Amino acid sequence: MPMSVPTEIPLALSPPGGGGEQPNLFISLMPFLLIFLIFYFLLIAPARKKQKKHGEMLGNLKNGDKIITSGGIYGTVVGVTDNVVQVRIADNVKLEIAKHAISGMQSRPAE
C-alpha cells in the first residue's frame, strides 16, 4: 500500500500573509513628532517667551528703577552701561553689577 504525500502545506508552516508591506514612514514617526510638539508647547515656548521678556526688561533699564539681583540684593539703578549697572543699595554705597545678574524690577519690601 503506497503512502500518499500531501500536496498542501499545513497552515502552521506557511509564511505570514500580507505580502511584506512596510508601514508608512509618517505613521512610524508620529509618536516622536507628538512628543516633540508636547515638549515645545509645555517647555520650549514658555522659556523663550520669558527669556525675551527678561531681555526687554534689561534693555529698558534706566536711572531710578528699583531692581532685585539674582543674589537677592535690592537697590536703585544710578548708572547703566552696556554690560554693567551701577546700583545704590544704601546711602553712599554703590555696587557695580553685571546686567545679566538682575533678576527683576521690584519695589523694596516693607520694613
PDB file of N, CA and C in Angstrom:
ATOM      1  N   MET A   1       0.829  -1.147   0.000  1.00  0.00           N
ATOM      2  CA  MET A   1       0.000   0.000   0.000  1.00  0.00           C
ATOM      3  C   MET A   1       0.897   1.242   0.000  1.00  0.00           C
ATOM      4  N   PRO A   2       0.806   2.024  -1.097  1.00  0.00           N
ATOM      5  CA  PRO A   2       1.645   3.215  -1.189  1.00  0.00           C
ATOM      6  C   PRO A   2       1.077   4.351  -0.328  1.00  0.00           C
ATOM      7  N   MET A   3       1.990   5.126   0.278  1.00  0.00           N
ATOM      8  CA  MET A   3       1.572   6.281   1.092  1.00  0.00           C
ATOM      9  C   MET A   3       1.430   7.500   0.200  1.00  0.00           C
ATOM     10  N   SER A   4       0.429   8.253   0.458  1.00  0.00           N
ATOM     11  CA  SER A   4       0.226   9.462  -0.341  1.00  0.00           C
ATOM     12  C   SER A   4       0.941  10.643   0.342  1.00  0.00           C
ATOM     13  N   VAL A   5       1.532  11.491  -0.438  1.00  0.00           N
ATOM     14  CA  VAL A   5       2.247  12.670   0.056  1.00  0.00           C
ATOM     15  C   VAL A   5       1.306  13.860  -0.040  1.00  0.00           C
ATOM     16  N   PRO A   6       1.129  14.566   1.072  1.00  0.00           N
ATOM     17  CA  PRO A   6       0.220  15.714   0.994  1.00  0.00           C
ATOM     18  C   PRO A   6       0.785  16.787   0.073  1.00  0.00           C
ATOM     19  N   THR A   7      -0.066  17.382  -0.735  1.00  0.00           N
ATOM     20  CA  THR A   7       0.350  18.424  -1.670  1.00  0.00           C
ATOM     21  C   THR A   7       0.162  19.817  -1.096  1.00  0.00           C
ATOM     22  N   GLU A   8      -0.568  19.962  -0.057  1.00  0.00           N
ATOM     23  CA  GLU A   8      -0.785  21.267   0.569  1.00  0.00           C
ATOM     24  C   GLU A   8       0.088  21.393   1.804  1.00  0.00           C
ATOM     25  N   ILE A   9       0.587  22.595   2.047  1.00  0.00           N
ATOM     26  CA  ILE A   9       1.392  22.866   3.237  1.00  0.00           C
ATOM     27  C   ILE A   9       0.431  23.205   4.368  1.00  0.00           C
ATOM     28  N   PRO A  10       0.644  22.620   5.521  1.00  0.00           N
ATOM     29  CA  PRO A  10      -0.235  22.964   6.640  1.00  0.00           C
ATOM     30  C   PRO A  10      -0.141  24.454   6.960  1.00  0.00           C
ATOM     31  N   LEU A  11      -1.221  25.007   7.482  1.00  0.00           N
ATOM     32  CA  LEU A  11      -1.315  26.430   7.775  1.00  0.00           C
ATOM     33  C   LEU A  11      -0.257  26.883   8.769  1.00  0.00           C
ATOM     34  N   ALA A  12       0.101  26.054   9.711  1.00  0.00           N
ATOM     35  CA  ALA A  12       1.077  26.430  10.722  1.00  0.00           C
ATOM     36  C   ALA A  12       2.463  26.622  10.124  1.00  0.00           C
ATOM     37  N   LEU A  13       2.770  25.999   8.997  1.00  0.00           N
ATOM     38  CA  LEU A  13       4.079  26.096   8.392  1.00  0.00           C
ATOM     39  C   LEU A  13       4.143  27.118   7.264  1.00  0.00           C
ATOM     40  N   SER A  14       3.036  27.714   6.901  1.00  0.00           N
ATOM     41  CA  SER A  14       3.026  28.659   5.787  1.00  0.00           C
ATOM     42  C   SER A  14       3.593  30.004   6.236  1.00  0.00           C
ATOM     43  N   PRO A  15       4.204  30.771   5.301  1.00  0.00           N
ATOM     44  CA  PRO A  15       4.747  32.083   5.649  1.00  0.00           C
ATOM     45  C   PRO A  15       3.618  33.048   5.995  1.00  0.00           C
ATOM     46  N   PRO A  16       3.927  34.064   6.828  1.00  0.00           N
ATOM     47  CA  PRO A  16       2.875  35.015   7.206  1.00  0.00           C
ATOM     48  C   PRO A  16       2.346  35.748   5.986  1.00  0.00           C
ATOM     49  N   GLY A  17       1.083  36.063   6.016  1.00  0.00           N
ATOM     50  CA  GLY A  17       0.434  36.732   4.896  1.00  0.00           C
ATOM     51  C   GLY A  17       0.676  38.227   4.919  1.00  0.00           C
ATOM     52  N   GLY A  18       0.159  38.911   3.946  1.00  0.00           N
ATOM     53  CA  GLY A  18       0.261  40.366   3.898  1.00  0.00           C
ATOM     54  C   GLY A  18       1.224  40.837   2.837  1.00  0.00           C
ATOM     55  N   GLY A  19       1.990  39.989   2.257  1.00  0.00           N
ATOM     56  CA  GLY A  19       2.854  40.390   1.174  1.00  0.00           C
ATOM     57  C   GLY A  19       4.056  41.219   1.602  1.00  0.00           C
ATOM     58  N   GLY A  20       4.417  41.306   2.886  1.00  0.00           N
ATOM     59  CA  GLY A  20       5.590  42.048   3.336  1.00  0.00           C
ATOM     60  C   GLY A  20       5.460  43.552   3.194  1.00  0.00           C
ATOM     61  N   GLU A  21       4.307  44.119   3.439  1.00  0.00           N
ATOM     62  CA  GLU A  21       4.108  45.561   3.327  1.00  0.00           C
ATOM     63  C   GLU A  21       4.882  46.293   4.416  1.00  0.00           C
ATOM     64  N   GLN A  22       5.494  47.418   4.062  1.00  0.00           N
ATOM     65  CA  GLN A  22       6.207  48.259   5.010  1.00  0.00           C
ATOM     66  C   GLN A  22       5.224  49.280   5.599  1.00  0.00           C
ATOM     67  N   PRO A  23       5.335  49.573   6.929  1.00  0.00           N
ATOM     68  CA  PRO A  23       4.458  50.599   7.495  1.00  0.00           C
ATOM     69  C   PRO A  23       4.825  51.973   6.933  1.00  0.00           C
ATOM     70  N   ASN A  24       3.859  52.837   6.860  1.00  0.00           N
ATOM     71  CA  ASN A  24       4.050  54.184   6.346  1.00  0.00           C
ATOM     72  C   ASN A  24       5.057  54.927   7.230  1.00  0.00           C
ATOM     73  N   LEU A  25       6.004  55.676   6.627  1.00  0.00           N
ATOM     74  CA  LEU A  25       7.035  56.401   7.372  1.00  0.00           C
ATOM     75  C   LEU A  25       6.405  57.453   8.289  1.00  0.00           C
ATOM     76  N   PHE A  26       5.395  58.144   7.803  1.00  0.00           N
ATOM     77  CA  PHE A  26       4.733  59.171   8.615  1.00  0.00           C
ATOM     78  C   PHE A  26       4.106  58.556   9.862  1.00  0.00           C
ATOM     79  N   ILE A  27       3.472  57.411   9.712  1.00  0.00           N
ATOM     80  CA  ILE A  27       2.852  56.733  10.853  1.00  0.00           C
ATOM     81  C   ILE A  27       3.921  56.292  11.847  1.00  0.00           C
ATOM     82  N   SER A  28       5.082  55.863  11.343  1.00  0.00           N
ATOM     83  CA  SER A  28       6.168  55.427  12.222  1.00  0.00           C
ATOM     84  C   SER A  28       6.746  56.584  13.028  1.00  0.00           C
ATOM     85  N   LEU A  29       6.801  57.774  12.436  1.00  0.00           N
ATOM     86  CA  LEU A  29       7.383  58.935  13.110  1.00  0.00           C
ATOM     87  C   LEU A  29       6.370  59.726  13.936  1.00  0.00           C
ATOM     88  N   MET A  30       5.109  59.388  13.845  1.00  0.00           N
ATOM     89  CA  MET A  30       4.059  60.125  14.539  1.00  0.00           C
ATOM     90  C   MET A  30       4.288  60.227  16.059  1.00  0.00           C
ATOM     91  N   PRO A  31       4.656  59.177  16.777  1.00  0.00           N
ATOM     92  CA  PRO A  31       4.879  59.329  18.226  1.00  0.00           C
ATOM     93  C   PRO A  31       5.998  60.316  18.554  1.00  0.00           C
ATOM     94  N   PHE A  32       7.074  60.299  17.755  1.00  0.00           N
ATOM     95  CA  PHE A  32       8.174  61.232  18.006  1.00  0.00           C
ATOM     96  C   PHE A  32       7.756  62.672  17.741  1.00  0.00           C
ATOM     97  N   LEU A  33       6.997  62.892  16.682  1.00  0.00           N
ATOM     98  CA  LEU A  33       6.502  64.237  16.389  1.00  0.00           C
ATOM     99  C   LEU A  33       5.561  64.725  17.487  1.00  0.00           C
ATOM    100  N   LEU A  34       4.729  63.840  17.984  1.00  0.00           N
ATOM    101  CA  LEU A  34       3.801  64.201  19.049  1.00  0.00           C
ATOM    102  C   LEU A  34       4.553  64.570  20.330  1.00  0.00           C
ATOM    103  N   ILE A  35       5.569  63.810  20.677  1.00  0.00           N
ATOM    104  CA  ILE A  35       6.375  64.114  21.871  1.00  0.00           C
ATOM    105  C   ILE A  35       7.083  65.451  21.705  1.00  0.00           C
ATOM    106  N   PHE A  36       7.643  65.716  20.507  1.00  0.00           N
ATOM    107  CA  PHE A  36       8.307  66.993  20.269  1.00  0.00           C
ATOM    108  C   PHE A  36       7.329  68.158  20.414  1.00  0.00           C
ATOM    109  N   LEU A  37       6.125  68.027  19.872  1.00  0.00           N
ATOM    110  CA  LEU A  37       5.137  69.101  19.989  1.00  0.00           C
ATOM    111  C   LEU A  37       4.755  69.359  21.440  1.00  0.00           C
ATOM    112  N   ILE A  38       4.613  68.300  22.214  1.00  0.00           N
ATOM    113  CA  ILE A  38       4.283  68.464  23.635  1.00  0.00           C
ATOM    114  C   ILE A  38       5.414  69.197  24.345  1.00  0.00           C
ATOM    115  N   PHE A  39       6.658  68.789  24.112  1.00  0.00           N
ATOM    116  CA  PHE A  39       7.792  69.471  24.729  1.00  0.00           C
ATOM    117  C   PHE A  39       7.849  70.931  24.294  1.00  0.00           C
ATOM    118  N   TYR A  40       7.591  71.201  23.015  1.00  0.00           N
ATOM    119  CA  TYR A  40       7.667  72.567  22.528  1.00  0.00           C
ATOM    120  C   TYR A  40       6.660  73.463  23.237  1.00  0.00           C
ATOM    121  N   PHE A  41       5.411  73.031  23.299  1.00  0.00           N
ATOM    122  CA  PHE A  41       4.377  73.891  23.869  1.00  0.00           C
ATOM    123  C   PHE A  41       4.413  73.952  25.393  1.00  0.00           C
ATOM    124  N   LEU A  42       4.946  72.940  26.048  1.00  0.00           N
ATOM    125  CA  LEU A  42       4.991  72.957  27.510  1.00  0.00           C
ATOM    126  C   LEU A  42       6.305  73.490  28.075  1.00  0.00           C
ATOM    127  N   LEU A  43       7.400  73.363  27.341  1.00  0.00           N
ATOM    128  CA  LEU A  43       8.704  73.760  27.886  1.00  0.00           C
ATOM    129  C   LEU A  43       9.406  74.828  27.064  1.00  0.00           C
ATOM    130  N   ILE A  44       9.574  74.605  25.789  1.00  0.00           N
ATOM    131  CA  ILE A  44      10.415  75.482  24.976  1.00  0.00           C
ATOM    132  C   ILE A  44       9.767  76.843  24.747  1.00  0.00           C
ATOM    133  N   ALA A  45       8.524  76.884  24.318  1.00  0.00           N
ATOM    134  CA  ALA A  45       7.864  78.158  24.006  1.00  0.00           C
ATOM    135  C   ALA A  45       7.742  79.070  25.231  1.00  0.00           C
ATOM    136  N   PRO A  46       7.301  78.575  26.400  1.00  0.00           N
ATOM    137  CA  PRO A  46       7.248  79.468  27.563  1.00  0.00           C
ATOM    138  C   PRO A  46       8.624  79.973  28.001  1.00  0.00           C
ATOM    139  N   ALA A  47       9.658  79.138  27.887  1.00  0.00           N
ATOM    140  CA  ALA A  47      11.002  79.574  28.269  1.00  0.00           C
ATOM    141  C   ALA A  47      11.504  80.664  27.332  1.00  0.00           C
ATOM    142  N   ARG A  48      11.247  80.517  26.042  1.00  0.00           N
ATOM    143  CA  ARG A  48      11.659  81.552  25.085  1.00  0.00           C
ATOM    144  C   ARG A  48      10.915  82.860  25.346  1.00  0.00           C
ATOM    145  N   LYS A  49       9.630  82.773  25.675  1.00  0.00           N
ATOM    146  CA  LYS A  49       8.839  83.972  25.947  1.00  0.00           C
ATOM    147  C   LYS A  49       9.372  84.686  27.185  1.00  0.00           C
ATOM    148  N   LYS A  50       9.690  83.916  28.225  1.00  0.00           N
ATOM    149  CA  LYS A  50      10.214  84.503  29.461  1.00  0.00           C
ATOM    150  C   LYS A  50      11.590  85.131  29.231  1.00  0.00           C
ATOM    151  N   GLN A  51      12.437  84.468  28.444  1.00  0.00           N
ATOM    152  CA  GLN A  51      13.761  84.987  28.139  1.00  0.00           C
ATOM    153  C   GLN A  51      13.664  86.288  27.339  1.00  0.00           C
ATOM    154  N   LYS A  52      12.745  86.348  26.396  1.00  0.00           N
ATOM    155  CA  LYS A  52      12.557  87.550  25.593  1.00  0.00           C
ATOM    156  C   LYS A  52      12.082  88.708  26.478  1.00  0.00           C
ATOM    157  N   LYS A  53      11.151  88.439  27.381  1.00  0.00           N
ATOM    158  CA  LYS A  53      10.634  89.474  28.285  1.00  0.00           C
ATOM    159  C   LYS A  53      11.747  89.984  29.203  1.00  0.00           C
ATOM    160  N   HIS A  54      12.598  89.069  29.710  1.00  0.00           N
ATOM    161  CA  HIS A  54      13.697  89.464  30.593  1.00  0.00           C
ATOM    162  C   HIS A  54      14.711  90.320  29.825  1.00  0.00           C
ATOM    163  N   GLY A  55      14.995  89.954  28.572  1.00  0.00           N
ATOM    164  CA  GLY A  55      15.916  90.736  27.750  1.00  0.00           C
ATOM    165  C   GLY A  55      15.389  92.143  27.482  1.00  0.00           C
ATOM    166  N   GLU A  56      14.095  92.262  27.238  1.00  0.00           N
ATOM    167  CA  GLU A  56      13.493  93.589  27.042  1.00  0.00           C
ATOM    168  C   GLU A  56      13.572  94.411  28.310  1.00  0.00           C
ATOM    169  N   MET A  57      13.351  93.779  29.459  1.00  0.00           N
ATOM    170  CA  MET A  57      13.444  94.487  30.740  1.00  0.00           C
ATOM    171  C   MET A  57      14.865  95.007  30.951  1.00  0.00           C
ATOM    172  N   LEU A  58      15.881  94.193  30.656  1.00  0.00           N
ATOM    173  CA  LEU A  58      17.264  94.633  30.820  1.00  0.00           C
ATOM    174  C   LEU A  58      17.603  95.748  29.838  1.00  0.00           C
ATOM    175  N   GLY A  59      17.067  95.693  28.653  1.00  0.00           N
ATOM    176  CA  GLY A  59      17.317  96.734  27.665  1.00  0.00           C
ATOM    177  C   GLY A  59      16.668  98.060  28.012  1.00  0.00           C
ATOM    178  N   ASN A  60      15.603  98.034  28.792  1.00  0.00           N
ATOM    179  CA  ASN A  60      14.872  99.253  29.153  1.00  0.00           C
ATOM    180  C   ASN A  60      15.239  99.797  30.526  1.00  0.00           C
ATOM    181  N   LEU A  61      16.316  99.307  31.144  1.00  0.00           N
ATOM    182  CA  LEU A  61      16.721  99.822  32.455  1.00  0.00           C
ATOM    183  C   LEU A  61      17.117 101.285  32.349  1.00  0.00           C
ATOM    184  N   LYS A  62      16.726 102.064  33.344  1.00  0.00           N
ATOM    185  CA  LYS A  62      17.096 103.486  33.378  1.00  0.00           C
ATOM    186  C   LYS A  62      17.318 103.901  34.826  1.00  0.00           C
ATOM    187  N   ASN A  63      17.892 105.043  35.016  1.00  0.00           N
ATOM    188  CA  ASN A  63      18.149 105.550  36.370  1.00  0.00           C
ATOM    189  C   ASN A  63      16.842 105.672  37.142  1.00  0.00           C
ATOM    190  N   GLY A  64      16.892 105.272  38.403  1.00  0.00           N
ATOM    191  CA  GLY A  64      15.726 105.367  39.265  1.00  0.00           C
ATOM    192  C   GLY A  64      14.919 104.086  39.354  1.00  0.00           C
ATOM    193  N   ASP A  65      15.162 103.124  38.480  1.00  0.00           N
ATOM    194  CA  ASP A  65      14.439 101.846  38.548  1.00  0.00           C
ATOM    195  C   ASP A  65      14.869 101.076  39.782  1.00  0.00           C
ATOM    196  N   LYS A  66      13.898 100.487  40.455  1.00  0.00           N
ATOM    197  CA  LYS A  66      14.189  99.653  41.618  1.00  0.00           C
ATOM    198  C   LYS A  66      14.272  98.211  41.133  1.00  0.00           C
ATOM    199  N   ILE A  67      15.393  97.554  41.479  1.00  0.00           N
ATOM    200  CA  ILE A  67      15.653  96.216  40.969  1.00  0.00           C
ATOM    201  C   ILE A  67      15.977  95.261  42.103  1.00  0.00           C
ATOM    202  N   ILE A  68      15.996  93.987  41.765  1.00  0.00           N
ATOM    203  CA  ILE A  68      16.490  92.952  42.664  1.00  0.00           C
ATOM    204  C   ILE A  68      17.435  92.078  41.849  1.00  0.00           C
ATOM    205  N   THR A  69      18.577  91.741  42.448  1.00  0.00           N
ATOM    206  CA  THR A  69      19.555  90.913  41.741  1.00  0.00           C
ATOM    207  C   THR A  69      19.257  89.442  41.984  1.00  0.00           C
ATOM    208  N   SER A  70      19.950  88.594  41.243  1.00  0.00           N
ATOM    209  CA  SER A  70      19.769  87.163  41.433  1.00  0.00           C
ATOM    210  C   SER A  70      20.301  86.707  42.787  1.00  0.00           C
ATOM    211  N   GLY A  71      21.141  87.515  43.422  1.00  0.00           N
ATOM    212  CA  GLY A  71      21.637  87.210  44.761  1.00  0.00           C
ATOM    213  C   GLY A  71      20.721  87.723  45.861  1.00  0.00           C
ATOM    214  N   GLY A  72      19.648  88.428  45.501  1.00  0.00           N
ATOM    215  CA  GLY A  72      18.679  88.894  46.479  1.00  0.00           C
ATOM    216  C   GLY A  72      18.949  90.294  46.998  1.00  0.00           C
ATOM    217  N   ILE A  73      19.785  91.069  46.336  1.00  0.00           N
ATOM    218  CA  ILE A  73      20.099  92.433  46.769  1.00  0.00           C
ATOM    219  C   ILE A  73      19.124  93.395  46.108  1.00  0.00           C
ATOM    220  N   TYR A  74      18.458  94.204  46.932  1.00  0.00           N
ATOM    221  CA  TYR A  74      17.561  95.235  46.431  1.00  0.00           C
ATOM    222  C   TYR A  74      18.357  96.519  46.268  1.00  0.00           C
ATOM    223  N   GLY A  75      18.059  97.281  45.220  1.00  0.00           N
ATOM    224  CA  GLY A  75      18.751  98.537  45.016  1.00  0.00           C
ATOM    225  C   GLY A  75      18.058  99.384  43.972  1.00  0.00           C
ATOM    226  N   THR A  76      18.622 100.586  43.794  1.00  0.00           N
ATOM    227  CA  THR A  76      18.103 101.532  42.819  1.00  0.00           C
ATOM    228  C   THR A  76      19.188 101.795  41.785  1.00  0.00           C
ATOM    229  N   VAL A  77      18.828 101.745  40.522  1.00  0.00           N
ATOM    230  CA  VAL A  77      19.784 101.955  39.437  1.00  0.00           C
ATOM    231  C   VAL A  77      20.191 103.424  39.423  1.00  0.00           C
ATOM    232  N   VAL A  78      21.523 103.664  39.401  1.00  0.00           N
ATOM    233  CA  VAL A  78      22.025 105.035  39.295  1.00  0.00           C
ATOM    234  C   VAL A  78      22.899 105.227  38.062  1.00  0.00           C
ATOM    235  N   GLY A  79      23.223 104.147  37.365  1.00  0.00           N
ATOM    236  CA  GLY A  79      24.010 104.258  36.143  1.00  0.00           C
ATOM    237  C   GLY A  79      23.918 102.979  35.330  1.00  0.00           C
ATOM    238  N   VAL A  80      23.822 103.133  34.001  1.00  0.00           N
ATOM    239  CA  VAL A  80      23.697 101.973  33.128  1.00  0.00           C
ATOM    240  C   VAL A  80      24.688 102.114  31.972  1.00  0.00           C
ATOM    241  N   THR A  81      25.465 101.053  31.737  1.00  0.00           N
ATOM    242  CA  THR A  81      26.296 100.966  30.538  1.00  0.00           C
ATOM    243  C   THR A  81      25.872  99.703  29.789  1.00  0.00           C
ATOM    244  N   ASP A  82      26.676  99.278  28.823  1.00  0.00           N
ATOM    245  CA  ASP A  82      26.291  98.118  28.014  1.00  0.00           C
ATOM    246  C   ASP A  82      26.103  96.859  28.848  1.00  0.00           C
ATOM    247  N   ASN A  83      27.101  96.511  29.667  1.00  0.00           N
ATOM    248  CA  ASN A  83      27.042  95.254  30.416  1.00  0.00           C
ATOM    249  C   ASN A  83      27.067  95.429  31.922  1.00  0.00           C
ATOM    250  N   VAL A  84      27.242  96.652  32.404  1.00  0.00           N
ATOM    251  CA  VAL A  84      27.379  96.904  33.840  1.00  0.00           C
ATOM    252  C   VAL A  84      26.323  97.910  34.280  1.00  0.00           C
ATOM    253  N   VAL A  85      25.777  97.666  35.464  1.00  0.00           N
ATOM    254  CA  VAL A  85      24.786  98.560  36.046  1.00  0.00           C
ATOM    255  C   VAL A  85      25.296  98.992  37.414  1.00  0.00           C
ATOM    256  N   GLN A  86      25.257 100.286  37.674  1.00  0.00           N
ATOM    257  CA  GLN A  86      25.614 100.794  38.996  1.00  0.00           C
ATOM    258  C   GLN A  86      24.341 100.885  39.821  1.00  0.00           C
ATOM    259  N   VAL A  87      24.378 100.271  41.009  1.00  0.00           N
ATOM    260  CA  VAL A  87      23.193 100.178  41.851  1.00  0.00           C
ATOM    261  C   VAL A  87      23.512 100.763  43.215  1.00  0.00           C
ATOM    262  N   ARG A  88      22.625 101.640  43.706  1.00  0.00           N
ATOM    263  CA  ARG A  88      22.763 102.183  45.065  1.00  0.00           C
ATOM    264  C   ARG A  88      21.942 101.290  45.988  1.00  0.00           C
ATOM    265  N   ILE A  89      22.608 100.721  46.999  1.00  0.00           N
ATOM    266  CA  ILE A  89      21.899  99.835  47.918  1.00  0.00           C
ATOM    267  C   ILE A  89      21.678 100.486  49.277  1.00  0.00           C
ATOM    268  N   ALA A  90      22.415 101.551  49.568  1.00  0.00           N
ATOM    269  CA  ALA A  90      22.243 102.316  50.808  1.00  0.00           C
ATOM    270  C   ALA A  90      22.850 103.693  50.556  1.00  0.00           C
ATOM    271  N   ASP A  91      22.715 104.592  51.524  1.00  0.00           N
ATOM    272  CA  ASP A  91      23.314 105.916  51.374  1.00  0.00           C
ATOM    273  C   ASP A  91      24.820 105.768  51.214  1.00  0.00           C
ATOM    274  N   ASN A  92      25.362 106.393  50.193  1.00  0.00           N
ATOM    275  CA  ASN A  92      26.790 106.382  49.878  1.00  0.00           C
ATOM    276  C   ASN A  92      27.354 104.981  49.641  1.00  0.00           C
ATOM    277  N   VAL A  93      26.527 104.013  49.287  1.00  0.00           N
ATOM    278  CA  VAL A  93      27.001 102.666  48.955  1.00  0.00           C
ATOM    279  C   VAL A  93      26.482 102.310  47.565  1.00  0.00           C
ATOM    280  N   LYS A  94      27.430 102.164  46.630  1.00  0.00           N
ATOM    281  CA  LYS A  94      27.061 101.817  45.257  1.00  0.00           C
ATOM    282  C   LYS A  94      27.812 100.549  44.863  1.00  0.00           C
ATOM    283  N   LEU A  95      27.130  99.716  44.117  1.00  0.00           N
ATOM    284  CA  LEU A  95      27.720  98.480  43.596  1.00  0.00           C
ATOM    285  C   LEU A  95      27.666  98.508  42.085  1.00  0.00           C
ATOM    286  N   GLU A  96      28.682  97.932  41.473  1.00  0.00           N
ATOM    287  CA  GLU A  96      28.623  97.695  40.037  1.00  0.00           C
ATOM    288  C   GLU A  96      28.354  96.213  39.849  1.00  0.00           C
ATOM    289  N   ILE A  97      27.274  95.915  39.158  1.00  0.00           N
ATOM    290  CA  ILE A  97      26.915  94.514  38.936  1.00  0.00           C
ATOM    291  C   ILE A  97      26.732  94.273  37.444  1.00  0.00           C
ATOM    292  N   ALA A  98      26.868  93.029  37.056  1.00  0.00           N
ATOM    293  CA  ALA A  98      26.631  92.659  35.665  1.00  0.00           C
ATOM    294  C   ALA A  98      25.138  92.754  35.370  1.00  0.00           C
ATOM    295  N   LYS A  99      24.838  93.171  34.158  1.00  0.00           N
ATOM    296  CA  LYS A  99      23.438  93.338  33.775  1.00  0.00           C
ATOM    297  C   LYS A  99      22.664  92.025  33.858  1.00  0.00           C
ATOM    298  N   HIS A 100      23.311  90.931  33.484  1.00  0.00           N
ATOM    299  CA  HIS A 100      22.600  89.654  33.492  1.00  0.00           C
ATOM    300  C   HIS A 100      22.326  89.135  34.905  1.00  0.00           C
ATOM    301  N   ALA A 101      22.898  89.783  35.938  1.00  0.00           N
ATOM    302  CA  ALA A 101      22.645  89.370  37.318  1.00  0.00           C
ATOM    303  C   ALA A 101      21.369  89.990  37.880  1.00  0.00           C
ATOM    304  N   ILE A 102      20.719  90.838  37.104  1.00  0.00           N
ATOM    305  CA  ILE A 102      19.458  91.443  37.547  1.00  0.00           C
ATOM    306  C   ILE A 102      18.330  90.469  37.227  1.00  0.00           C
ATOM    307  N   SER A 103      17.581  90.083  38.259  1.00  0.00           N
ATOM    308  CA  SER A 103      16.528  89.105  38.028  1.00  0.00           C
ATOM    309  C   SER A 103      15.174  89.756  37.790  1.00  0.00           C
ATOM    310  N   GLY A 104      14.995  90.977  38.255  1.00  0.00           N
ATOM    311  CA  GLY A 104      13.708  91.609  38.006  1.00  0.00           C
ATOM    312  C   GLY A 104      13.640  93.009  38.577  1.00  0.00           C
ATOM    313  N   MET A 105      12.569  93.693  38.221  1.00  0.00           N
ATOM    314  CA  MET A 105      12.316  95.029  38.746  1.00  0.00           C
ATOM    315  C   MET A 105      11.213  94.903  39.780  1.00  0.00           C
ATOM    316  N   GLN A 106      11.533  95.325  41.009  1.00  0.00           N
ATOM    317  CA  GLN A 106      10.547  95.233  42.079  1.00  0.00           C
ATOM    318  C   GLN A 106      10.719  96.412  43.015  1.00  0.00           C
ATOM    319  N   SER A 107       9.698  96.637  43.780  1.00  0.00           N
ATOM    320  CA  SER A 107       9.807  97.658  44.801  1.00  0.00           C
ATOM    321  C   SER A 107      10.380  97.019  46.068  1.00  0.00           C
ATOM    322  N   ARG A 108      10.969  97.825  46.882  1.00  0.00           N
ATOM    323  CA  ARG A 108      11.591  97.347  48.118  1.00  0.00           C
ATOM    324  C   ARG A 108      10.502  96.844  49.073  1.00  0.00           C
ATOM    325  N   PRO A 109      10.725  95.712  49.722  1.00  0.00           N
ATOM    326  CA  PRO A 109       9.702  95.210  50.652  1.00  0.00           C
ATOM    327  C   PRO A 109       9.521  96.159  51.839  1.00  0.00           C
ATOM    328  N   ALA A 110       8.328  96.154  52.380  1.00  0.00           N
ATOM    329  CA  ALA A 110       8.030  96.998  53.536  1.00  0.00           C
ATOM    330  C   ALA A 110       8.848  96.551  54.728  1.00  0.00           C
ATOM    331  N   GLU A 111       9.392  97.508  55.434  1.00  0.00           N
ATOM    332  CA  GLU A 111      10.206  97.184  56.619  1.00  0.00           C
ATOM    333  C   GLU A 111       9.453  97.493  57.884  1.00  0.00           C
TER     334      GLU A 111
END
